[in-house]
């Protein structure tokens, strides 16, 4: 459960159900959504495949995690790498089977999603900026699958997705600062290891500033409750950025990372009000 980042999986499942029920479904058809087998299959296929992605990422990050997170890594290594890899394959099969039950198009979509998760860990993880962008896109991909299935699209949901995407991008950038020691030792190229900590912090600040743009131009499309949630997200995002700008201590950077986790929780809880 620790290796598959259960809290991220739980957020994904909750978010997909909330957006399917309160955003994609008409007000008088929510019960039909709960009775729709394909909605459940899409939700859990995305969750299983994301779990697969986390296990594969943990497999590739074995050396760096041992340096950067020695206590957590020691706890997670109670499960052998072979068992973790077998579990990843099992989750991959479950996710693809669920997608296949929905249809061939869903199988193709989630097959490409699984391939993207593997390729991110295998190759893109060592490409600065590209790694952060791909991680943010992959995290939001299951929501796109749900949107396509329910044939729903709108400017304001796209803008909200962009806000969460920039939050995820910034979170990945902050991880570069948190994992800098291990990345340097194993020779992995990241923004922090390649361009330095100061430029990484500048990129964090730029990302936080850009996050205000989609919200500003679409604020009239959100209701009062969604506006409150978005405002809280932007304030917390700015606070996390300020912490990262003003400190070099890992303990403070972990507090900033915790704020990003809180932002994602608030983002998911804001979905019903979009």
Protein backbone atom coordinates (compact mmCIF):
# COMPACT_ATOMS: atom_id res chain seq x y z
CA UNK A 1 0.00 0.00 0.00
CA UNK A 2 2.88 2.35 0.71
CA UNK A 3 4.57 1.64 -2.61
CA UNK A 4 1.44 2.23 -4.68
CA UNK A 5 0.85 5.57 -2.90
CA UNK A 6 -2.61 4.54 -1.69
CA UNK A 7 -3.62 8.13 -0.85
CA UNK A 8 -3.13 9.19 -4.49
CA UNK A 9 -5.15 6.18 -5.68
CA UNK A 10 -7.92 7.00 -3.19
CA UNK A 11 -8.01 10.62 -4.38
CA UNK A 12 -8.21 9.49 -8.00
CA UNK A 13 -11.14 7.15 -7.29
CA UNK A 14 -13.00 9.75 -5.25
CA UNK A 15 -12.35 12.45 -7.84
CA UNK A 16 -13.58 10.33 -10.74
CA UNK A 17 -16.81 9.42 -8.98
CA UNK A 18 -17.43 13.03 -7.92
CA UNK A 19 -16.84 14.44 -11.39
CA UNK A 20 -18.92 11.70 -13.04
CA UNK A 21 -21.84 12.25 -10.66
CA UNK A 22 -21.86 16.02 -10.22
CA UNK A 23 -20.26 17.40 -13.39
CA UNK A 24 -20.65 14.99 -16.29
CA UNK A 25 -24.10 13.60 -15.42
CA UNK A 26 -27.32 15.63 -15.72
CA UNK A 27 -28.94 16.39 -12.35
CA UNK A 28 -31.76 13.90 -12.91
CA UNK A 29 -29.47 11.10 -14.16
CA UNK A 30 -27.05 10.64 -11.28
CA UNK A 31 -28.62 7.40 -10.19
CA UNK A 32 -28.10 6.06 -13.71
CA UNK A 33 -24.40 6.87 -13.42
CA UNK A 34 -24.15 4.81 -10.22
CA UNK A 35 -25.84 1.92 -12.03
CA UNK A 36 -23.60 2.26 -15.08
CA UNK A 37 -21.08 -0.59 -15.07
CA UNK A 38 -18.74 1.16 -17.50
CA UNK A 39 -18.35 4.18 -15.22
CA UNK A 40 -17.15 1.89 -12.43
CA UNK A 41 -14.86 -0.02 -14.78
CA UNK A 42 -13.26 3.17 -16.11
CA UNK A 43 -12.75 4.46 -12.57
CA UNK A 44 -11.11 1.30 -11.29
CA UNK A 45 -9.14 0.63 -14.47
CA UNK A 46 -7.51 4.03 -14.05
CA UNK A 47 -6.84 3.31 -10.37
CA UNK A 48 -5.30 -0.12 -11.04
CA UNK A 49 -3.09 1.26 -13.79
CA UNK A 50 -1.96 4.19 -11.66
CA UNK A 51 -1.00 1.67 -8.97
CA UNK A 52 0.96 -0.18 -11.65
CA UNK A 53 2.68 3.09 -12.54
CA UNK A 54 3.69 3.82 -8.94
CA UNK A 55 5.16 0.32 -8.51
CA UNK A 56 7.12 0.59 -11.75
CA UNK A 57 8.36 4.02 -10.71
CA UNK A 58 9.41 2.60 -7.33
CA UNK A 59 11.25 -0.20 -9.15
CA UNK A 60 13.24 2.30 -11.23
CA UNK A 61 13.80 4.68 -8.29
CA UNK A 62 15.14 1.97 -5.99
CA UNK A 63 18.65 3.44 -5.67
CA UNK A 64 17.58 7.08 -5.32
CA UNK A 65 14.85 6.29 -2.79
CA UNK A 66 17.33 4.35 -0.65
CA UNK A 67 19.39 7.54 -0.36
CA UNK A 68 16.61 10.12 -0.13
CA UNK A 69 14.09 8.17 1.96
CA UNK A 70 16.12 5.57 3.89
CA UNK A 71 13.54 4.85 6.61
CA UNK A 72 10.56 4.72 4.26
CA UNK A 73 12.54 2.65 1.77
CA UNK A 74 13.58 0.19 4.45
CA UNK A 75 9.92 -0.21 5.40
CA UNK A 76 8.85 -0.69 1.79
CA UNK A 77 11.67 -3.20 1.14
CA UNK A 78 9.95 -5.63 3.50
CA UNK A 79 8.24 -6.55 0.26
CA UNK A 80 10.74 -7.98 -2.23
CA UNK A 81 11.30 -6.31 -5.59
CA UNK A 82 10.06 -9.47 -7.31
CA UNK A 83 6.80 -9.36 -5.35
CA UNK A 84 6.40 -5.67 -6.19
CA UNK A 85 6.99 -6.36 -9.87
CA UNK A 86 4.52 -9.28 -9.88
CA UNK A 87 1.94 -7.05 -8.17
CA UNK A 88 2.53 -4.36 -10.79
CA UNK A 89 1.88 -6.88 -13.58
CA UNK A 90 -1.24 -8.10 -11.78
CA UNK A 91 -2.57 -4.52 -11.48
CA UNK A 92 -1.75 -3.93 -15.15
CA UNK A 93 -3.76 -6.99 -16.18
CA UNK A 94 -6.70 -5.98 -13.97
CA UNK A 95 -6.71 -2.45 -15.40
CA UNK A 96 -6.58 -3.63 -19.01
CA UNK A 97 -9.25 -6.28 -18.42
CA UNK A 98 -11.59 -3.63 -17.02
CA UNK A 99 -10.90 -1.40 -20.03
CA UNK A 100 -11.45 -4.32 -22.42
CA UNK A 101 -14.86 -4.94 -20.84
CA UNK A 102 -15.81 -1.33 -21.63
CA UNK A 103 -14.73 -1.67 -25.28
CA UNK A 104 -11.81 -1.80 -27.68
CA UNK A 105 -11.42 1.99 -27.71
CA UNK A 106 -11.15 2.01 -23.92
CA UNK A 107 -8.62 -0.83 -24.09
CA UNK A 108 -6.53 1.13 -26.59
CA UNK A 109 -6.75 4.30 -24.48
CA UNK A 110 -5.76 2.62 -21.23
CA UNK A 111 -3.14 0.53 -23.02
CA UNK A 112 -1.48 3.75 -24.16
CA UNK A 113 -1.89 5.13 -20.62
CA UNK A 114 -0.06 2.10 -19.19
CA UNK A 115 2.65 2.46 -21.82
CA UNK A 116 3.01 6.13 -20.92
CA UNK A 117 3.36 5.27 -17.22
CA UNK A 118 6.13 2.79 -17.98
CA UNK A 119 7.91 5.09 -20.44
CA UNK A 120 7.79 7.95 -17.95
CA UNK A 121 9.71 5.87 -15.40
CA UNK A 122 11.98 4.23 -17.97
CA UNK A 123 13.03 7.24 -20.03
CA UNK A 124 11.21 10.51 -19.38
CA UNK A 125 12.01 10.50 -15.65
CA UNK A 126 15.56 11.60 -16.50
CA UNK A 127 14.58 14.46 -18.82
CA UNK A 128 14.21 17.79 -16.96
CA UNK A 129 10.90 19.61 -17.53
CA UNK A 130 9.66 16.80 -19.80
CA UNK A 131 9.50 14.55 -16.72
CA UNK A 132 7.42 17.06 -14.76
CA UNK A 133 5.08 17.71 -17.67
CA UNK A 134 4.51 14.02 -18.40
CA UNK A 135 3.87 13.26 -14.72
CA UNK A 136 1.20 15.99 -14.54
CA UNK A 137 -0.47 14.84 -17.77
CA UNK A 138 -0.47 11.18 -16.74
CA UNK A 139 -2.02 12.02 -13.36
CA UNK A 140 -4.94 13.76 -15.11
CA UNK A 141 -5.36 11.20 -17.92
CA UNK A 142 -7.99 9.03 -16.12
CA UNK A 143 -10.21 12.12 -15.74
CA UNK A 144 -9.92 12.69 -19.48
CA UNK A 145 -11.04 9.09 -20.06
CA UNK A 146 -14.13 9.68 -17.91
CA UNK A 147 -14.84 12.92 -19.79
CA UNK A 148 -14.63 11.19 -23.17
CA UNK A 149 -16.88 8.33 -22.04
CA UNK A 150 -19.58 10.74 -20.83
CA UNK A 151 -19.07 12.94 -23.90
CA UNK A 152 -18.56 16.05 -21.79
CA UNK A 153 -16.29 19.03 -22.32
CA UNK A 154 -16.38 22.66 -21.21
CA UNK A 155 -14.03 25.60 -20.87
CA UNK A 156 -14.33 25.87 -17.11
CA UNK A 157 -13.54 22.19 -16.45
CA UNK A 158 -10.56 22.49 -18.79
CA UNK A 159 -9.38 25.59 -16.90
CA UNK A 160 -9.76 23.79 -13.56
CA UNK A 161 -7.84 20.84 -14.97
CA UNK A 162 -5.09 23.23 -16.08
CA UNK A 163 -4.92 24.63 -12.54
CA UNK A 164 -4.53 21.15 -11.04
CA UNK A 165 -2.06 20.25 -13.78
CA UNK A 166 0.14 23.23 -12.91
CA UNK A 167 -0.11 22.24 -9.24
CA UNK A 168 1.07 18.74 -10.11
CA UNK A 169 3.86 20.20 -12.26
CA UNK A 170 5.00 22.40 -9.37
CA UNK A 171 4.87 19.46 -6.99
CA UNK A 172 7.16 17.47 -9.27
CA UNK A 173 9.51 20.45 -9.40
CA UNK A 174 9.59 20.60 -5.60
CA UNK A 175 10.43 16.88 -5.51
CA UNK A 176 13.61 17.74 -7.43
CA UNK A 177 14.70 19.83 -4.45
CA UNK A 178 13.69 17.13 -1.97
CA UNK A 179 15.42 14.34 -3.90
CA UNK A 180 18.46 16.33 -5.02
CA UNK A 181 21.04 14.37 -3.00
CA UNK A 182 20.02 10.98 -4.36
CA UNK A 183 19.63 12.28 -7.92
CA UNK A 184 23.17 13.69 -7.91
CA UNK A 185 24.66 10.48 -6.50
CA UNK A 186 23.00 8.20 -9.07
CA UNK A 187 23.58 10.72 -11.88
CA UNK A 188 19.95 11.41 -12.73
CA UNK A 189 19.29 14.61 -14.64
CA UNK A 190 16.66 16.84 -13.06
CA UNK A 191 16.04 20.58 -13.09
CA UNK A 192 17.72 20.94 -9.69
CA UNK A 193 20.74 18.76 -10.48
CA UNK A 194 21.27 20.25 -13.94
CA UNK A 195 20.42 23.92 -13.46
CA UNK A 196 20.79 24.43 -9.72
CA UNK A 197 18.47 25.03 -6.80
CA UNK A 198 18.00 28.76 -7.45
CA UNK A 199 16.73 28.22 -10.98
CA UNK A 200 14.46 25.44 -9.74
CA UNK A 201 12.93 27.82 -7.22
CA UNK A 202 12.51 30.44 -9.95
CA UNK A 203 10.69 27.85 -12.08
CA UNK A 204 8.46 27.06 -9.09
CA UNK A 205 7.59 30.74 -8.74
CA UNK A 206 6.85 31.05 -12.46
CA UNK A 207 4.60 27.99 -12.38
CA UNK A 208 2.66 29.36 -9.39
CA UNK A 209 2.18 32.69 -11.18
CA UNK A 210 1.01 31.01 -14.39
CA UNK A 211 -1.54 29.00 -12.36
CA UNK A 212 -3.52 32.21 -11.77
CA UNK A 213 -4.01 32.78 -15.52
CA UNK A 214 -6.61 30.09 -16.46
CA UNK A 215 -8.62 30.95 -13.34
CA UNK A 216 -8.59 34.69 -14.00
CA UNK A 217 -9.92 34.37 -17.55
CA UNK A 218 -12.63 31.83 -16.65
CA UNK A 219 -13.68 33.01 -13.17
CA UNK A 220 -17.11 34.09 -14.43
CA UNK A 221 -17.91 30.48 -15.39
CA UNK A 222 -17.60 29.12 -11.84
CA UNK A 223 -20.22 29.31 -9.13
CA UNK A 224 -19.57 30.79 -5.71
CA UNK A 225 -18.50 27.56 -4.01
CA UNK A 226 -16.12 26.58 -6.80
CA UNK A 227 -14.60 30.08 -6.67
CA UNK A 228 -13.92 29.64 -2.93
CA UNK A 229 -12.20 26.30 -3.53
CA UNK A 230 -10.10 27.72 -6.38
CA UNK A 231 -9.13 30.78 -4.31
CA UNK A 232 -7.96 28.53 -1.44
CA UNK A 233 -5.97 26.42 -3.91
CA UNK A 234 -4.23 29.49 -5.34
CA UNK A 235 -3.41 30.89 -1.89
CA UNK A 236 -1.97 27.56 -0.70
CA UNK A 237 -0.04 27.19 -3.95
CA UNK A 238 1.50 30.62 -3.41
CA UNK A 239 2.28 29.75 0.23
CA UNK A 240 4.03 26.51 -0.76
CA UNK A 241 6.06 28.43 -3.34
CA UNK A 242 7.10 31.05 -0.77
CA UNK A 243 8.26 28.33 1.62
CA UNK A 244 10.33 26.74 -1.15
CA UNK A 245 11.82 30.13 -2.08
CA UNK A 246 12.90 31.06 1.43
CA UNK A 247 14.38 27.83 2.80
CA UNK A 248 17.03 25.24 2.06
CA UNK A 249 16.05 22.92 4.90
CA UNK A 250 14.53 19.58 3.93
CA UNK A 251 12.07 19.74 6.83
CA UNK A 252 10.60 23.01 5.50
CA UNK A 253 10.50 21.66 1.95
CA UNK A 254 8.54 18.67 3.26
CA UNK A 255 6.01 21.11 4.72
CA UNK A 256 5.68 22.69 1.27
CA UNK A 257 5.19 19.21 -0.20
CA UNK A 258 2.46 18.55 2.37
CA UNK A 259 0.72 21.75 1.25
CA UNK A 260 0.67 20.42 -2.30
CA UNK A 261 -1.04 17.27 -1.04
CA UNK A 262 -3.64 19.42 0.74
CA UNK A 263 -4.18 21.40 -2.47
CA UNK A 264 -4.96 18.21 -4.38
CA UNK A 265 -7.45 17.13 -1.70
CA UNK A 266 -9.19 20.51 -1.89
CA UNK A 267 -9.13 20.28 -5.69
CA UNK A 268 -10.93 16.94 -5.61
CA UNK A 269 -13.48 18.19 -3.06
CA UNK A 270 -14.16 21.21 -5.29
CA UNK A 271 -15.11 19.03 -8.27
CA UNK A 272 -18.83 18.67 -7.36
CA UNK A 273 -19.24 22.48 -7.50
CA UNK A 274 -17.83 22.98 -10.99
